[in-house]
C-alpha atoms as a PDB file:
ATOM      1  CA  MET A   1     -26.883 -21.648  42.160  1.00  0.00           C
ATOM      2  CA  ASN A   2     -25.084 -18.662  40.777  1.00  0.00           C
ATOM      3  CA  GLU A   3     -27.306 -15.286  42.279  1.00  0.00           C
ATOM      4  CA  ALA A   4     -27.574 -13.823  38.931  1.00  0.00           C
ATOM      5  CA  THR A   5     -30.843 -16.330  38.869  1.00  0.00           C
ATOM      6  CA  SER A   6     -34.054 -14.127  38.953  1.00  0.00           C
ATOM      7  CA  PRO A   7     -35.346 -14.721  42.465  1.00  0.00           C
ATOM      8  CA  VAL A   8     -38.462 -16.667  43.670  1.00  0.00           C
ATOM      9  CA  GLY A   9     -39.935 -14.539  45.664  1.00  0.00           C
ATOM     10  CA  PRO A  10     -39.348 -13.564  49.397  1.00  0.00           C
ATOM     11  CA  VAL A  11     -39.346 -15.735  52.550  1.00  0.00           C
ATOM     12  CA  ASP A  12     -39.170 -15.959  56.268  1.00  0.00           C
ATOM     13  CA  ALA A  13     -35.409 -16.025  57.020  1.00  0.00           C
ATOM     14  CA  ARG A  14     -35.840 -18.230  60.234  1.00  0.00           C
ATOM     15  CA  GLU A  15     -37.373 -20.844  58.377  1.00  0.00           C
ATOM     16  CA  TYR A  16     -35.548 -20.787  55.739  1.00  0.00           C
ATOM     17  CA  TRP A  17     -32.132 -21.140  58.158  1.00  0.00           C
ATOM     18  CA  ASP A  18     -34.144 -23.712  60.103  1.00  0.00           C
ATOM     19  CA  ARG A  19     -34.509 -25.746  56.869  1.00  0.00           C
ATOM     20  CA  SER A  20     -31.037 -25.298  55.716  1.00  0.00           C
ATOM     21  CA  ALA A  21     -29.183 -26.351  59.311  1.00  0.00           C
ATOM     22  CA  PRO A  22     -28.922 -30.030  58.283  1.00  0.00           C
ATOM     23  CA  VAL A  23     -27.583 -29.365  55.187  1.00  0.00           C
ATOM     24  CA  TYR A  24     -25.080 -26.838  56.559  1.00  0.00           C
ATOM     25  CA  ALA A  25     -24.130 -29.705  59.244  1.00  0.00           C
ATOM     26  CA  SER A  26     -23.802 -32.100  57.041  1.00  0.00           C
ATOM     27  CA  ASP A  27     -20.913 -33.402  54.690  1.00  0.00           C
ATOM     28  CA  ASP A  28     -23.151 -31.972  52.037  1.00  0.00           C
ATOM     29  CA  GLY A  29     -22.722 -28.432  52.611  1.00  0.00           C
ATOM     30  CA  HIS A  30     -18.857 -28.826  52.614  1.00  0.00           C
ATOM     31  CA  ARG A  31     -19.185 -30.438  49.122  1.00  0.00           C
ATOM     32  CA  ARG A  32     -21.435 -27.510  47.735  1.00  0.00           C
ATOM     33  CA  PHE A  33     -18.589 -25.195  48.603  1.00  0.00           C
ATOM     34  CA  GLY A  34     -15.468 -27.116  48.564  1.00  0.00           C
ATOM     35  CA  ARG A  35     -12.055 -25.686  49.136  1.00  0.00           C
ATOM     36  CA  PHE A  36     -13.963 -22.191  48.588  1.00  0.00           C
ATOM     37  CA  LEU A  37     -14.609 -22.843  52.922  1.00  0.00           C
ATOM     38  CA  ASP A  38     -10.622 -23.191  53.329  1.00  0.00           C
ATOM     39  CA  LEU A  39     -10.398 -20.012  51.120  1.00  0.00           C
ATOM     40  CA  TYR A  40     -12.497 -17.965  53.157  1.00  0.00           C
ATOM     41  CA  GLU A  41     -11.927 -19.165  56.767  1.00  0.00           C
ATOM     42  CA  GLU A  42      -7.888 -18.410  56.215  1.00  0.00           C
ATOM     43  CA  GLY A  43      -9.180 -14.905  54.695  1.00  0.00           C
ATOM     44  CA  CYS A  44     -11.173 -14.649  58.119  1.00  0.00           C
ATOM     45  CA  TRP A  45      -8.625 -15.589  60.436  1.00  0.00           C
ATOM     46  CA  ARG A  46      -6.201 -13.584  59.414  1.00  0.00           C
ATOM     47  CA  TYR A  47      -7.509 -10.939  61.061  1.00  0.00           C
ATOM     48  CA  ILE A  48      -9.305 -12.624  63.708  1.00  0.00           C
ATOM     49  CA  GLU A  49      -6.149 -14.101  65.132  1.00  0.00           C
ATOM     50  CA  ARG A  50      -4.476 -10.391  64.917  1.00  0.00           C
ATOM     51  CA  VAL A  51      -6.993  -9.159  67.397  1.00  0.00           C
ATOM     52  CA  LEU A  52      -7.309 -12.240  70.093  1.00  0.00           C
ATOM     53  CA  PRO A  53      -7.646 -11.131  73.421  1.00  0.00           C
ATOM     54  CA  ALA A  54      -5.589 -12.910  75.899  1.00  0.00           C
ATOM     55  CA  VAL A  55      -7.039 -16.167  77.279  1.00  0.00           C
ATOM     56  CA  GLY A  56      -8.386 -16.159  80.547  1.00  0.00           C
ATOM     57  CA  SER A  57     -11.143 -13.735  81.399  1.00  0.00           C
ATOM     58  CA  SER A  58     -11.902 -12.649  78.197  1.00  0.00           C
ATOM     59  CA  VAL A  59     -15.149 -13.898  76.125  1.00  0.00           C
ATOM     60  CA  ILE A  60     -15.850 -14.291  73.000  1.00  0.00           C
ATOM     61  CA  LEU A  61     -19.408 -14.041  71.166  1.00  0.00           C
ATOM     62  CA  GLU A  62     -20.172 -15.755  67.577  1.00  0.00           C
ATOM     63  CA  ALA A  63     -23.282 -13.915  66.786  1.00  0.00           C
ATOM     64  CA  GLY A  64     -25.012 -16.099  63.793  1.00  0.00           C
ATOM     65  CA  CYS A  65     -22.949 -18.986  64.412  1.00  0.00           C
ATOM     66  CA  GLY A  66     -24.535 -21.378  62.259  1.00  0.00           C
ATOM     67  CA  THR A  67     -23.638 -24.894  62.953  1.00  0.00           C
ATOM     68  CA  GLY A  68     -20.520 -23.510  64.945  1.00  0.00           C
ATOM     69  CA  ARG A  69     -17.761 -23.039  62.553  1.00  0.00           C
ATOM     70  CA  TRP A  70     -15.749 -20.366  64.822  1.00  0.00           C
ATOM     71  CA  VAL A  71     -16.227 -22.074  68.062  1.00  0.00           C
ATOM     72  CA  ALA A  72     -14.714 -25.083  67.198  1.00  0.00           C
ATOM     73  CA  ARG A  73     -11.540 -23.409  66.039  1.00  0.00           C
ATOM     74  CA  LEU A  74     -11.692 -20.685  69.180  1.00  0.00           C
ATOM     75  CA  ALA A  75     -12.519 -22.796  72.313  1.00  0.00           C
ATOM     76  CA  PRO A  76      -9.615 -25.263  71.866  1.00  0.00           C
ATOM     77  CA  LEU A  77      -7.375 -22.192  72.705  1.00  0.00           C
ATOM     78  CA  GLY A  78      -8.682 -21.797  75.689  1.00  0.00           C
ATOM     79  CA  TYR A  79     -11.476 -19.043  75.098  1.00  0.00           C
ATOM     80  CA  ARG A  80     -14.765 -18.837  76.680  1.00  0.00           C
ATOM     81  CA  MET A  81     -17.593 -18.077  74.180  1.00  0.00           C
ATOM     82  CA  VAL A  82     -21.246 -17.752  74.016  1.00  0.00           C
ATOM     83  CA  LEU A  83     -23.061 -19.135  70.775  1.00  0.00           C
ATOM     84  CA  SER A  84     -26.056 -16.796  69.335  1.00  0.00           C
ATOM     85  CA  ASP A  85     -28.140 -17.436  66.159  1.00  0.00           C
ATOM     86  CA  LEU A  86     -31.701 -16.623  64.537  1.00  0.00           C
ATOM     87  CA  SER A  87     -32.667 -19.953  63.856  1.00  0.00           C
ATOM     88  CA  PRO A  88     -33.207 -22.456  66.580  1.00  0.00           C
ATOM     89  CA  GLU A  89     -31.833 -25.200  64.507  1.00  0.00           C
ATOM     90  CA  MET A  90     -28.230 -23.832  63.507  1.00  0.00           C
ATOM     91  CA  VAL A  91     -28.332 -23.421  67.380  1.00  0.00           C
ATOM     92  CA  HIS A  92     -29.298 -27.138  67.999  1.00  0.00           C
ATOM     93  CA  TYR A  93     -26.719 -28.054  65.562  1.00  0.00           C
ATOM     94  CA  ALA A  94     -23.981 -25.626  66.842  1.00  0.00           C
ATOM     95  CA  ARG A  95     -24.522 -27.291  70.194  1.00  0.00           C
ATOM     96  CA  GLU A  96     -24.358 -31.070  69.182  1.00  0.00           C
ATOM     97  CA  LYS A  97     -20.963 -29.966  67.385  1.00  0.00           C
ATOM     98  CA  VAL A  98     -19.689 -28.747  70.424  1.00  0.00           C
ATOM     99  CA  GLU A  99     -20.848 -31.451  72.495  1.00  0.00           C
ATOM    100  CA  ARG A 100     -19.519 -33.998  69.550  1.00  0.00           C
ATOM    101  CA  LEU A 101     -15.889 -32.386  70.254  1.00  0.00           C
ATOM    102  CA  GLY A 102     -15.770 -31.809  74.044  1.00  0.00           C
ATOM    103  CA  LEU A 103     -15.622 -28.440  74.010  1.00  0.00           C
ATOM    104  CA  GLY A 104     -19.000 -28.479  76.172  1.00  0.00           C
ATOM    105  CA  ASP A 105     -17.038 -26.637  79.261  1.00  0.00           C
ATOM    106  CA  ARG A 106     -15.754 -23.450  76.910  1.00  0.00           C
ATOM    107  CA  VAL A 107     -19.411 -22.758  76.227  1.00  0.00           C
ATOM    108  CA  ALA A 108     -21.162 -20.171  78.389  1.00  0.00           C
ATOM    109  CA  ALA A 109     -24.521 -19.972  77.242  1.00  0.00           C
ATOM    110  CA  TYR A 110     -26.492 -20.553  73.798  1.00  0.00           C
ATOM    111  CA  HIS A 111     -29.124 -17.722  72.683  1.00  0.00           C
ATOM    112  CA  VAL A 112     -31.702 -17.640  69.657  1.00  0.00           C
ATOM    113  CA  LEU A 113     -31.216 -14.088  68.813  1.00  0.00           C
ATOM    114  CA  ASP A 114     -31.722 -11.395  66.042  1.00  0.00           C
ATOM    115  CA  ILE A 115     -28.447  -9.516  65.757  1.00  0.00           C
ATOM    116  CA  CYS A 116     -30.842  -6.603  65.633  1.00  0.00           C
ATOM    117  CA  ASP A 117     -31.898  -7.168  69.055  1.00  0.00           C
ATOM    118  CA  MET A 118     -29.685  -9.263  71.294  1.00  0.00           C
ATOM    119  CA  HIS A 119     -31.349  -8.110  74.714  1.00  0.00           C
ATOM    120  CA  ALA A 120     -30.242 -11.258  76.410  1.00  0.00           C
ATOM    121  CA  LEU A 121     -26.687  -9.983  76.210  1.00  0.00           C
ATOM    122  CA  PRO A 122     -25.660  -7.432  78.787  1.00  0.00           C
ATOM    123  CA  GLU A 123     -23.721  -4.309  77.463  1.00  0.00           C
ATOM    124  CA  ALA A 124     -19.900  -4.455  77.380  1.00  0.00           C
ATOM    125  CA  THR A 125     -19.575  -8.295  77.775  1.00  0.00           C
ATOM    126  CA  PHE A 126     -17.410  -9.179  75.179  1.00  0.00           C
ATOM    127  CA  ASP A 127     -13.909  -8.877  74.272  1.00  0.00           C
ATOM    128  CA  LEU A 128     -14.496 -10.023  70.533  1.00  0.00           C
ATOM    129  CA  VAL A 129     -17.971 -10.228  68.408  1.00  0.00           C
ATOM    130  CA  LEU A 130     -17.732 -12.618  65.315  1.00  0.00           C
ATOM    131  CA  VAL A 131     -20.424 -11.687  62.789  1.00  0.00           C
ATOM    132  CA  LEU A 132     -19.373 -14.199  60.124  1.00  0.00           C
ATOM    133  CA  GLY A 133     -21.094 -15.610  57.054  1.00  0.00           C
ATOM    134  CA  GLY A 134     -23.369 -12.673  56.212  1.00  0.00           C
ATOM    135  CA  PRO A 135     -25.950 -12.333  59.200  1.00  0.00           C
ATOM    136  CA  LEU A 136     -25.259  -8.056  58.580  1.00  0.00           C
ATOM    137  CA  THR A 137     -26.583  -8.583  54.855  1.00  0.00           C
ATOM    138  CA  LEU A 138     -29.227 -10.557  56.007  1.00  0.00           C
ATOM    139  CA  CYS A 139     -30.339  -8.592  58.853  1.00  0.00           C
ATOM    140  CA  GLN A 140     -33.657  -6.522  58.672  1.00  0.00           C
ATOM    141  CA  ASP A 141     -31.649  -2.967  60.376  1.00  0.00           C
ATOM    142  CA  ALA A 142     -28.155  -2.723  59.260  1.00  0.00           C
ATOM    143  CA  ARG A 143     -28.202   0.263  62.077  1.00  0.00           C
ATOM    144  CA  THR A 144     -29.684  -1.403  65.008  1.00  0.00           C
ATOM    145  CA  ALA A 145     -27.606  -4.404  64.265  1.00  0.00           C
ATOM    146  CA  ALA A 146     -24.391  -2.345  64.368  1.00  0.00           C
ATOM    147  CA  SER A 147     -25.703  -0.451  67.586  1.00  0.00           C
ATOM    148  CA  GLU A 148     -26.141  -3.725  69.470  1.00  0.00           C
ATOM    149  CA  LEU A 149     -22.931  -5.327  68.306  1.00  0.00           C
ATOM    150  CA  ARG A 150     -21.154  -1.889  69.701  1.00  0.00           C
ATOM    151  CA  ARG A 151     -23.645  -2.332  72.696  1.00  0.00           C
ATOM    152  CA  VAL A 152     -22.185  -5.959  73.914  1.00  0.00           C
ATOM    153  CA  THR A 153     -18.900  -5.115  72.946  1.00  0.00           C
ATOM    154  CA  ARG A 154     -16.488  -4.082  75.813  1.00  0.00           C
ATOM    155  CA  SER A 155     -14.706  -0.945  75.541  1.00  0.00           C
ATOM    156  CA  GLY A 156     -11.475  -1.431  73.396  1.00  0.00           C
ATOM    157  CA  GLY A 157     -12.909  -4.647  72.242  1.00  0.00           C
ATOM    158  CA  THR A 158     -13.583  -5.356  68.405  1.00  0.00           C
ATOM    159  CA  VAL A 159     -16.216  -6.707  66.162  1.00  0.00           C
ATOM    160  CA  ILE A 160     -15.384  -8.424  62.899  1.00  0.00           C
ATOM    161  CA  CYS A 161     -18.067  -9.078  60.508  1.00  0.00           C
ATOM    162  CA  ASP A 162     -18.306  -9.571  56.561  1.00  0.00           C
ATOM    163  CA  ALA A 163     -21.422  -8.525  54.473  1.00  0.00           C
ATOM    164  CA  ALA A 164     -22.156  -8.497  50.577  1.00  0.00           C
ATOM    165  CA  ASN A 165     -20.901  -5.737  48.272  1.00  0.00           C
ATOM    166  CA  ARG A 166     -23.178  -4.139  46.139  1.00  0.00           C
ATOM    167  CA  TYR A 167     -20.809  -2.896  43.161  1.00  0.00           C
ATOM    168  CA  ARG A 168     -19.377  -6.730  43.089  1.00  0.00           C
ATOM    169  CA  THR A 169     -23.280  -7.510  42.884  1.00  0.00           C
ATOM    170  CA  ALA A 170     -23.904  -5.805  40.407  1.00  0.00           C
ATOM    171  CA  LEU A 171     -21.097  -6.542  38.050  1.00  0.00           C
ATOM    172  CA  ASP A 172     -22.384  -9.928  38.544  1.00  0.00           C
ATOM    173  CA  LEU A 173     -25.615  -9.030  37.452  1.00  0.00           C
ATOM    174  CA  VAL A 174     -24.795  -7.521  34.563  1.00  0.00           C
ATOM    175  CA  ARG A 175     -22.318 -10.832  33.926  1.00  0.00           C
ATOM    176  CA  GLY A 176     -25.505 -13.147  34.105  1.00  0.00           C
ATOM    177  CA  GLY A 177     -27.497 -10.724  32.481  1.00  0.00           C
ATOM    178  CA  GLN A 178     -29.805 -10.170  34.694  1.00  0.00           C
ATOM    179  CA  LEU A 179     -30.608  -6.527  34.507  1.00  0.00           C
ATOM    180  CA  SER A 180     -33.758  -6.025  36.644  1.00  0.00           C
ATOM    181  CA  GLN A 181     -32.316  -5.620  39.784  1.00  0.00           C
ATOM    182  CA  LEU A 182     -29.300  -3.381  38.803  1.00  0.00           C
ATOM    183  CA  ALA A 183     -30.672   0.189  39.583  1.00  0.00           C
ATOM    184  CA  GLN A 184     -31.861  -1.222  42.426  1.00  0.00           C
ATOM    185  CA  VAL A 185     -28.870  -2.741  44.048  1.00  0.00           C
ATOM    186  CA  LEU A 186     -26.744   0.410  42.979  1.00  0.00           C
ATOM    187  CA  ASP A 187     -29.261   2.591  44.304  1.00  0.00           C
ATOM    188  CA  THR A 188     -30.239   0.898  47.464  1.00  0.00           C
ATOM    189  CA  GLY A 189     -28.229  -1.981  48.366  1.00  0.00           C
ATOM    190  CA  GLN A 190     -31.480  -4.002  48.015  1.00  0.00           C
ATOM    191  CA  PHE A 191     -31.183  -7.344  46.551  1.00  0.00           C
ATOM    192  CA  SER A 192     -33.729 -10.188  46.234  1.00  0.00           C
ATOM    193  CA  ARG A 193     -31.867 -13.786  45.900  1.00  0.00           C
ATOM    194  CA  PRO A 194     -32.704 -16.709  44.129  1.00  0.00           C
ATOM    195  CA  ASP A 195     -33.723 -18.626  47.101  1.00  0.00           C
ATOM    196  CA  GLY A 196     -36.238 -16.153  48.185  1.00  0.00           C
ATOM    197  CA  LEU A 197     -34.285 -14.142  50.731  1.00  0.00           C
ATOM    198  CA  VAL A 198     -33.968 -10.634  50.334  1.00  0.00           C
ATOM    199  CA  ASP A 199     -30.852  -8.525  51.638  1.00  0.00           C
ATOM    200  CA  HIS A 200     -28.621  -5.488  51.605  1.00  0.00           C
ATOM    201  CA  ARG A 201     -25.615  -5.337  49.905  1.00  0.00           C
ATOM    202  CA  PHE A 202     -23.345  -2.754  50.922  1.00  0.00           C
ATOM    203  CA  GLY A 203     -20.749  -0.310  49.549  1.00  0.00           C
ATOM    204  CA  PRO A 204     -17.244  -0.443  51.613  1.00  0.00           C
ATOM    205  CA  GLN A 205     -18.035   2.914  52.542  1.00  0.00           C
ATOM    206  CA  GLU A 206     -21.037   2.619  53.396  1.00  0.00           C
ATOM    207  CA  LEU A 207     -20.018  -0.480  55.834  1.00  0.00           C
ATOM    208  CA  ALA A 208     -17.056   1.656  57.242  1.00  0.00           C
ATOM    209  CA  GLY A 209     -19.741   4.975  57.938  1.00  0.00           C
ATOM    210  CA  LEU A 210     -22.126   2.661  59.264  1.00  0.00           C
ATOM    211  CA  PHE A 211     -19.638   1.034  62.541  1.00  0.00           C
ATOM    212  CA  GLU A 212     -17.970   4.641  63.007  1.00  0.00           C
ATOM    213  CA  ALA A 213     -21.315   6.245  63.450  1.00  0.00           C
ATOM    214  CA  GLN A 214     -21.538   4.121  66.078  1.00  0.00           C
ATOM    215  CA  GLY A 215     -18.435   5.245  68.029  1.00  0.00           C
ATOM    216  CA  MET A 216     -16.191   2.749  66.727  1.00  0.00           C
ATOM    217  CA  ASP A 217     -12.915   2.965  64.954  1.00  0.00           C
ATOM    218  CA  VAL A 218     -12.141   0.997  61.574  1.00  0.00           C
ATOM    219  CA  LEU A 219      -8.772  -1.103  61.989  1.00  0.00           C
ATOM    220  CA  HIS A 220      -9.322  -3.165  58.405  1.00  0.00           C
ATOM    221  CA  LEU A 221     -11.809  -3.177  55.665  1.00  0.00           C
ATOM    222  CA  ALA A 222     -10.704  -5.875  53.054  1.00  0.00           C
ATOM    223  CA  GLY A 223     -12.159  -8.332  50.502  1.00  0.00           C
ATOM    224  CA  ILE A 224     -12.561 -11.582  51.741  1.00  0.00           C
ATOM    225  CA  CYS A 225     -12.231 -14.111  48.725  1.00  0.00           C
ATOM    226  CA  PRO A 226     -12.104 -10.550  47.160  1.00  0.00           C
ATOM    227  CA  PHE A 227     -12.248 -12.747  43.481  1.00  0.00           C
ATOM    228  CA  PHE A 228     -15.415 -14.838  43.883  1.00  0.00           C
ATOM    229  CA  ASP A 229     -19.226 -13.978  43.863  1.00  0.00           C
ATOM    230  CA  PHE A 230     -20.693 -13.527  47.554  1.00  0.00           C
ATOM    231  CA  LEU A 231     -22.102 -16.921  47.106  1.00  0.00           C
ATOM    232  CA  PRO A 232     -19.445 -18.601  44.539  1.00  0.00           C
ATOM    233  CA  SER A 233     -20.939 -20.520  41.744  1.00  0.00           C
ATOM    234  CA  ARG A 234     -19.999 -24.138  40.779  1.00  0.00           C
ATOM    235  CA  GLU A 235     -17.304 -22.720  38.508  1.00  0.00           C
ATOM    236  CA  GLN A 236     -15.644 -21.033  40.349  1.00  0.00           C
ATOM    237  CA  VAL A 237     -15.752 -23.517  43.672  1.00  0.00           C
ATOM    238  CA  GLY A 238     -14.646 -26.365  40.796  1.00  0.00           C
ATOM    239  CA  ILE A 239     -11.480 -24.262  40.127  1.00  0.00           C
ATOM    240  CA  LEU A 240      -9.970 -24.571  43.757  1.00  0.00           C
ATOM    241  CA  ASP A 241      -9.905 -28.356  43.415  1.00  0.00           C
ATOM    242  CA  ASP A 242      -6.735 -27.686  41.614  1.00  0.00           C
ATOM    243  CA  GLU A 243      -3.573 -27.134  44.508  1.00  0.00           C
ATOM    244  CA  ARG A 244      -1.864 -24.952  42.361  1.00  0.00           C
ATOM    245  CA  ALA A 245      -4.777 -22.528  41.701  1.00  0.00           C
ATOM    246  CA  PHE A 246      -5.920 -22.667  45.137  1.00  0.00           C
ATOM    247  CA  ASN A 247      -2.229 -21.507  46.295  1.00  0.00           C
ATOM    248  CA  THR A 248      -2.530 -18.934  43.398  1.00  0.00           C
ATOM    249  CA  ILE A 249      -5.741 -17.083  44.125  1.00  0.00           C
ATOM    250  CA  ARG A 250      -4.921 -17.635  48.199  1.00  0.00           C
ATOM    251  CA  ASP A 251      -1.966 -16.061  48.328  1.00  0.00           C
ATOM    252  CA  ALA A 252      -2.897 -13.120  45.202  1.00  0.00           C
ATOM    253  CA  SER A 253      -6.423 -12.498  48.030  1.00  0.00           C
ATOM    254  CA  MET A 254      -4.246 -12.034  50.858  1.00  0.00           C
ATOM    255  CA  ARG A 255      -1.990 -10.066  49.215  1.00  0.00           C
ATOM    256  CA  TYR A 256      -4.546  -7.848  47.651  1.00  0.00           C
ATOM    257  CA  ALA A 257      -7.002  -8.022  50.506  1.00  0.00           C
ATOM    258  CA  GLU A 258      -6.839  -4.327  51.881  1.00  0.00           C
ATOM    259  CA  ASP A 259      -6.263  -2.613  48.079  1.00  0.00           C
ATOM    260  CA  PRO A 260      -9.059  -0.246  47.467  1.00  0.00           C
ATOM    261  CA  SER A 261      -9.773  -1.059  44.269  1.00  0.00           C
ATOM    262  CA  VAL A 262      -9.533  -4.609  44.794  1.00  0.00           C
ATOM    263  CA  VAL A 263     -12.027  -4.314  48.237  1.00  0.00           C
ATOM    264  CA  SER A 264     -14.615  -1.898  45.788  1.00  0.00           C
ATOM    265  CA  LEU A 265     -15.082  -5.289  43.311  1.00  0.00           C
ATOM    266  CA  SER A 266     -14.847  -7.926  45.917  1.00  0.00           C
ATOM    267  CA  GLY A 267     -17.790 -10.232  46.736  1.00  0.00           C
ATOM    268  CA  ARG A 268     -17.820 -10.060  50.144  1.00  0.00           C
ATOM    269  CA  LEU A 269     -16.303  -7.173  52.272  1.00  0.00           C
ATOM    270  CA  LEU A 270     -14.699  -7.902  55.679  1.00  0.00           C
ATOM    271  CA  ILE A 271     -14.902  -4.555  58.455  1.00  0.00           C
ATOM    272  CA  VAL A 272     -12.838  -5.032  61.813  1.00  0.00           C
ATOM    273  CA  ALA A 273     -13.817  -2.401  64.397  1.00  0.00           C
ATOM    274  CA  GLN A 274     -12.724  -1.323  67.536  1.00  0.00           C
ATOM    275  CA  ARG A 275     -15.153  -0.249  70.537  1.00  0.00           C
ATOM    276  CA  ARG A 276     -13.396   3.396  71.442  1.00  0.00           C
ATOM    277  CA  LYS A 277     -12.048   2.944  75.311  1.00  0.00           C
END
């Protein structure tokens, strides 16, 4: 469903993701987004691998882990991980995946936690914190979330987070002829999604300032899948079925990922921020 569709009213985020967990854990989720998932993961991995800590004593937190996208890539490399998500069902499926892949000894703990309140996690614990897939966009208080992400990150450690871009959202609303939310999105970033969730869309500098205000240095600010909506339409996903088109879009996305003009109109922003030593 394209996000330009009129919203149906707010829903409880935890209940929504609990209901959605079986879909994301199944082949249905992969069929819905097709090769867009490959494009997204390649774009994120490019930044993850640049800041990977040394294997050994390092610990990585996957916050908003969903059904376990990144643990399946990082745990086989030898990293110890902790997984958390707002949704108990998402955590359940992530645990199932970990056990199915024989990676149980690499995951130290599972938690049901909101990124705005990660009280169960001690301060300065993690060398790398991944918050990918939009948890910051969907949380209730981005400032509190950024503070919590900094708190659990070790001195010199890194947070990698993505979020929806309000300016691309505004463009998509106009393209879809859905103008009722245009002023609100541009003025406040608040957006009511067609699935009933209400989230916050960031401007690039707003996102950077959020982490800088917490005493973190921004290493990278990029557009991930910059030519696609935050949730890609079926038409956009279909373009990627052609291998030549996929390669062309992937190469352009990589080359222009940090170009300020491209970032400003990217559906999905990605920030890499380091806690000051």
